[in-house]
Amino acid sequence: MIVVDDGLATGSTARAALRFVRRQEPARVVLAAPVGSPEAAELLRTEADEVICPHRPAAFMAVGLWYDNFDQLTDQDVLEALHVQL
């Protein structure tokens, strides 16, 4: 199973997702994020079988700084993206 995060600042959100996924007992768990702090990426190696995070800048400050547009989504945005109707 692949868990994707937009970026790893502290890694707490990814850790929670990985622990949830582990309870489903998949054969393998991979965490993928485009950017993250080197510390968070390293810490998450104990939670996933593999961590793919190609950009680990030493001067990492915040995930949003690595995106041109990092607007927050509403719940409705997510439901529409997933094609869910209430």
N, C-alpha and C. Protein backbone atom coordinates (compact mmCIF):
# COMPACT_ATOMS: atom_id res chain seq x y z
N MET A 1 0.85 -1.16 0.00
CA MET A 1 0.00 0.00 0.00
C MET A 1 0.90 1.22 0.00
N ILE A 2 0.46 2.26 -0.67
CA ILE A 2 1.22 3.50 -0.74
C ILE A 2 0.45 4.61 -0.03
N VAL A 3 1.12 5.25 0.89
CA VAL A 3 0.58 6.41 1.59
C VAL A 3 1.29 7.63 1.02
N VAL A 4 0.51 8.63 0.60
CA VAL A 4 1.08 9.83 -0.01
C VAL A 4 0.77 11.04 0.88
N ASP A 5 1.79 11.85 1.10
CA ASP A 5 1.61 13.09 1.86
C ASP A 5 2.18 14.23 1.02
N ASP A 6 1.65 15.43 1.18
CA ASP A 6 2.14 16.57 0.38
C ASP A 6 3.51 17.03 0.85
N GLY A 7 3.90 16.66 2.05
CA GLY A 7 5.21 17.02 2.58
C GLY A 7 5.33 16.59 4.02
N LEU A 8 6.56 16.42 4.46
CA LEU A 8 6.82 15.93 5.81
C LEU A 8 7.51 17.01 6.63
N ALA A 9 6.75 17.71 7.45
CA ALA A 9 7.34 18.72 8.32
C ALA A 9 7.79 18.02 9.61
N THR A 10 6.83 17.67 10.45
CA THR A 10 7.15 16.92 11.67
C THR A 10 6.96 15.42 11.44
N GLY A 11 6.12 15.09 10.46
CA GLY A 11 5.83 13.69 10.18
C GLY A 11 4.67 13.13 10.97
N SER A 12 4.04 13.95 11.81
CA SER A 12 2.97 13.43 12.68
C SER A 12 1.74 12.98 11.89
N THR A 13 1.36 13.71 10.85
CA THR A 13 0.21 13.29 10.05
C THR A 13 0.51 12.00 9.30
N ALA A 14 1.69 11.93 8.71
CA ALA A 14 2.08 10.71 7.99
C ALA A 14 2.17 9.53 8.95
N ARG A 15 2.70 9.75 10.15
CA ARG A 15 2.81 8.67 11.14
C ARG A 15 1.42 8.12 11.48
N ALA A 16 0.46 8.99 11.70
CA ALA A 16 -0.89 8.55 12.02
C ALA A 16 -1.48 7.73 10.87
N ALA A 17 -1.29 8.21 9.64
CA ALA A 17 -1.81 7.48 8.47
C ALA A 17 -1.12 6.12 8.33
N LEU A 18 0.18 6.09 8.53
CA LEU A 18 0.91 4.82 8.42
C LEU A 18 0.46 3.82 9.47
N ARG A 19 0.24 4.28 10.67
CA ARG A 19 -0.21 3.37 11.74
C ARG A 19 -1.60 2.82 11.44
N PHE A 20 -2.47 3.67 10.88
CA PHE A 20 -3.80 3.20 10.48
C PHE A 20 -3.67 2.14 9.39
N VAL A 21 -2.86 2.41 8.39
CA VAL A 21 -2.68 1.48 7.28
C VAL A 21 -2.09 0.16 7.77
N ARG A 22 -1.13 0.23 8.68
CA ARG A 22 -0.51 -0.99 9.21
C ARG A 22 -1.55 -1.91 9.84
N ARG A 23 -2.55 -1.35 10.47
CA ARG A 23 -3.60 -2.17 11.10
C ARG A 23 -4.40 -2.97 10.07
N GLN A 24 -4.34 -2.56 8.80
CA GLN A 24 -5.03 -3.29 7.74
C GLN A 24 -4.20 -4.50 7.27
N GLU A 25 -2.98 -4.61 7.78
CA GLU A 25 -2.05 -5.70 7.50
C GLU A 25 -1.70 -5.86 6.01
N PRO A 26 -1.29 -4.77 5.35
CA PRO A 26 -0.84 -4.90 3.96
C PRO A 26 0.51 -5.62 3.92
N ALA A 27 0.83 -6.17 2.78
CA ALA A 27 2.10 -6.87 2.64
C ALA A 27 3.28 -5.90 2.75
N ARG A 28 3.08 -4.68 2.28
CA ARG A 28 4.16 -3.70 2.26
C ARG A 28 3.56 -2.30 2.34
N VAL A 29 4.24 -1.40 3.03
CA VAL A 29 3.78 -0.03 3.15
C VAL A 29 4.89 0.91 2.70
N VAL A 30 4.55 1.77 1.74
CA VAL A 30 5.49 2.76 1.22
C VAL A 30 4.91 4.14 1.50
N LEU A 31 5.75 5.03 2.01
CA LEU A 31 5.37 6.43 2.20
C LEU A 31 6.04 7.25 1.12
N ALA A 32 5.26 8.07 0.42
CA ALA A 32 5.79 8.92 -0.64
C ALA A 32 5.41 10.37 -0.37
N ALA A 33 6.41 11.23 -0.40
CA ALA A 33 6.20 12.67 -0.25
C ALA A 33 7.25 13.38 -1.09
N PRO A 34 6.89 14.45 -1.76
CA PRO A 34 7.86 15.13 -2.62
C PRO A 34 8.95 15.87 -1.86
N VAL A 35 8.64 16.33 -0.65
CA VAL A 35 9.59 17.13 0.11
C VAL A 35 9.36 16.90 1.60
N GLY A 36 10.41 17.02 2.36
CA GLY A 36 10.27 16.88 3.80
C GLY A 36 11.54 17.22 4.53
N SER A 37 11.40 17.42 5.81
CA SER A 37 12.59 17.66 6.61
C SER A 37 13.38 16.35 6.69
N PRO A 38 14.68 16.43 6.65
CA PRO A 38 15.48 15.21 6.75
C PRO A 38 15.18 14.42 8.02
N GLU A 39 14.91 15.12 9.11
CA GLU A 39 14.63 14.46 10.38
C GLU A 39 13.32 13.67 10.32
N ALA A 40 12.27 14.28 9.78
CA ALA A 40 10.98 13.60 9.69
C ALA A 40 11.07 12.39 8.77
N ALA A 41 11.71 12.55 7.64
CA ALA A 41 11.84 11.43 6.70
C ALA A 41 12.58 10.27 7.35
N GLU A 42 13.60 10.57 8.10
CA GLU A 42 14.37 9.51 8.76
C GLU A 42 13.55 8.84 9.86
N LEU A 43 12.84 9.61 10.66
CA LEU A 43 12.02 9.04 11.74
C LEU A 43 10.94 8.11 11.20
N LEU A 44 10.39 8.43 10.04
CA LEU A 44 9.29 7.64 9.48
C LEU A 44 9.76 6.31 8.90
N ARG A 45 11.05 6.12 8.78
CA ARG A 45 11.57 4.83 8.29
C ARG A 45 11.19 3.69 9.23
N THR A 46 10.89 4.00 10.50
CA THR A 46 10.47 2.96 11.45
C THR A 46 9.00 2.61 11.29
N GLU A 47 8.25 3.46 10.57
CA GLU A 47 6.81 3.26 10.40
C GLU A 47 6.45 2.64 9.05
N ALA A 48 7.31 2.83 8.04
CA ALA A 48 7.04 2.35 6.68
C ALA A 48 8.17 1.42 6.25
N ASP A 49 7.86 0.55 5.31
CA ASP A 49 8.89 -0.32 4.75
C ASP A 49 9.85 0.48 3.88
N GLU A 50 9.34 1.54 3.28
CA GLU A 50 10.17 2.40 2.44
C GLU A 50 9.63 3.81 2.49
N VAL A 51 10.52 4.78 2.57
CA VAL A 51 10.14 6.19 2.54
C VAL A 51 10.78 6.81 1.30
N ILE A 52 9.93 7.32 0.40
CA ILE A 52 10.40 7.99 -0.80
C ILE A 52 10.14 9.48 -0.62
N CYS A 53 11.20 10.22 -0.47
CA CYS A 53 11.11 11.67 -0.26
C CYS A 53 12.35 12.28 -0.92
N PRO A 54 12.24 12.59 -2.22
CA PRO A 54 13.43 13.00 -2.97
C PRO A 54 14.04 14.33 -2.56
N HIS A 55 13.26 15.24 -2.01
CA HIS A 55 13.79 16.55 -1.63
C HIS A 55 13.77 16.67 -0.11
N ARG A 56 14.97 16.66 0.48
CA ARG A 56 15.12 16.77 1.93
C ARG A 56 16.09 17.91 2.26
N PRO A 57 15.67 19.13 2.00
CA PRO A 57 16.57 20.27 2.21
C PRO A 57 16.94 20.45 3.68
N ALA A 58 18.20 20.71 3.93
CA ALA A 58 18.67 20.93 5.30
C ALA A 58 17.99 22.14 5.93
N ALA A 59 17.67 23.14 5.11
CA ALA A 59 17.02 24.36 5.61
C ALA A 59 15.50 24.28 5.48
N PHE A 60 14.93 23.11 5.66
CA PHE A 60 13.48 22.93 5.55
C PHE A 60 12.78 23.77 6.62
N MET A 61 11.78 24.56 6.19
CA MET A 61 11.04 25.40 7.13
C MET A 61 9.57 24.98 7.23
N ALA A 62 8.92 24.82 6.08
CA ALA A 62 7.50 24.47 6.06
C ALA A 62 7.15 23.87 4.71
N VAL A 63 6.20 22.97 4.69
CA VAL A 63 5.78 22.31 3.46
C VAL A 63 5.31 23.33 2.43
N GLY A 64 4.49 24.27 2.85
CA GLY A 64 3.90 25.23 1.93
C GLY A 64 4.88 26.08 1.16
N LEU A 65 6.09 26.22 1.68
CA LEU A 65 7.10 27.02 0.99
C LEU A 65 7.61 26.35 -0.28
N TRP A 66 7.33 25.07 -0.44
CA TRP A 66 7.82 24.31 -1.59
C TRP A 66 6.79 24.20 -2.70
N TYR A 67 5.65 24.89 -2.54
CA TYR A 67 4.58 24.86 -3.53
C TYR A 67 4.27 26.27 -4.01
N ASP A 68 3.93 26.41 -5.29
CA ASP A 68 3.48 27.70 -5.81
C ASP A 68 2.11 28.04 -5.25
N ASN A 69 1.26 27.02 -5.07
CA ASN A 69 -0.10 27.21 -4.56
C ASN A 69 -0.34 26.15 -3.49
N PHE A 70 -0.46 26.59 -2.26
CA PHE A 70 -0.66 25.66 -1.14
C PHE A 70 -1.91 26.04 -0.35
N ASP A 71 -2.96 26.44 -1.10
CA ASP A 71 -4.22 26.80 -0.45
C ASP A 71 -4.81 25.58 0.25
N GLN A 72 -5.45 25.83 1.38
CA GLN A 72 -6.11 24.76 2.13
C GLN A 72 -7.41 24.37 1.43
N LEU A 73 -7.70 23.08 1.45
CA LEU A 73 -8.94 22.58 0.86
C LEU A 73 -10.05 22.55 1.89
N THR A 74 -11.26 22.73 1.42
CA THR A 74 -12.43 22.55 2.29
C THR A 74 -12.86 21.09 2.22
N ASP A 75 -13.71 20.69 3.13
CA ASP A 75 -14.27 19.34 3.07
C ASP A 75 -15.00 19.12 1.75
N GLN A 76 -15.70 20.15 1.29
CA GLN A 76 -16.44 20.05 0.03
C GLN A 76 -15.48 19.84 -1.14
N ASP A 77 -14.35 20.51 -1.15
CA ASP A 77 -13.34 20.31 -2.20
C ASP A 77 -12.93 18.84 -2.27
N VAL A 78 -12.69 18.25 -1.12
CA VAL A 78 -12.25 16.86 -1.06
C VAL A 78 -13.35 15.93 -1.55
N LEU A 79 -14.58 16.15 -1.10
CA LEU A 79 -15.70 15.31 -1.54
C LEU A 79 -15.89 15.39 -3.04
N GLU A 80 -15.77 16.59 -3.60
CA GLU A 80 -15.91 16.75 -5.05
C GLU A 80 -14.78 16.04 -5.79
N ALA A 81 -13.56 16.12 -5.27
CA ALA A 81 -12.43 15.44 -5.90
C ALA A 81 -12.60 13.93 -5.87
N LEU A 82 -13.24 13.43 -4.81
CA LEU A 82 -13.48 12.00 -4.68
C LEU A 82 -14.81 11.57 -5.32
N HIS A 83 -15.52 12.53 -5.86
CA HIS A 83 -16.83 12.27 -6.49
C HIS A 83 -17.82 11.65 -5.51
N VAL A 84 -17.84 12.18 -4.30
CA VAL A 84 -18.73 11.68 -3.26
C VAL A 84 -19.91 12.63 -3.15
N GLN A 85 -21.08 12.07 -3.07
CA GLN A 85 -22.28 12.89 -2.89
C GLN A 85 -22.88 12.56 -1.54
N LEU A 86 -23.27 13.61 -0.82
CA LEU A 86 -23.90 13.42 0.48
C LEU A 86 -25.40 13.48 0.35
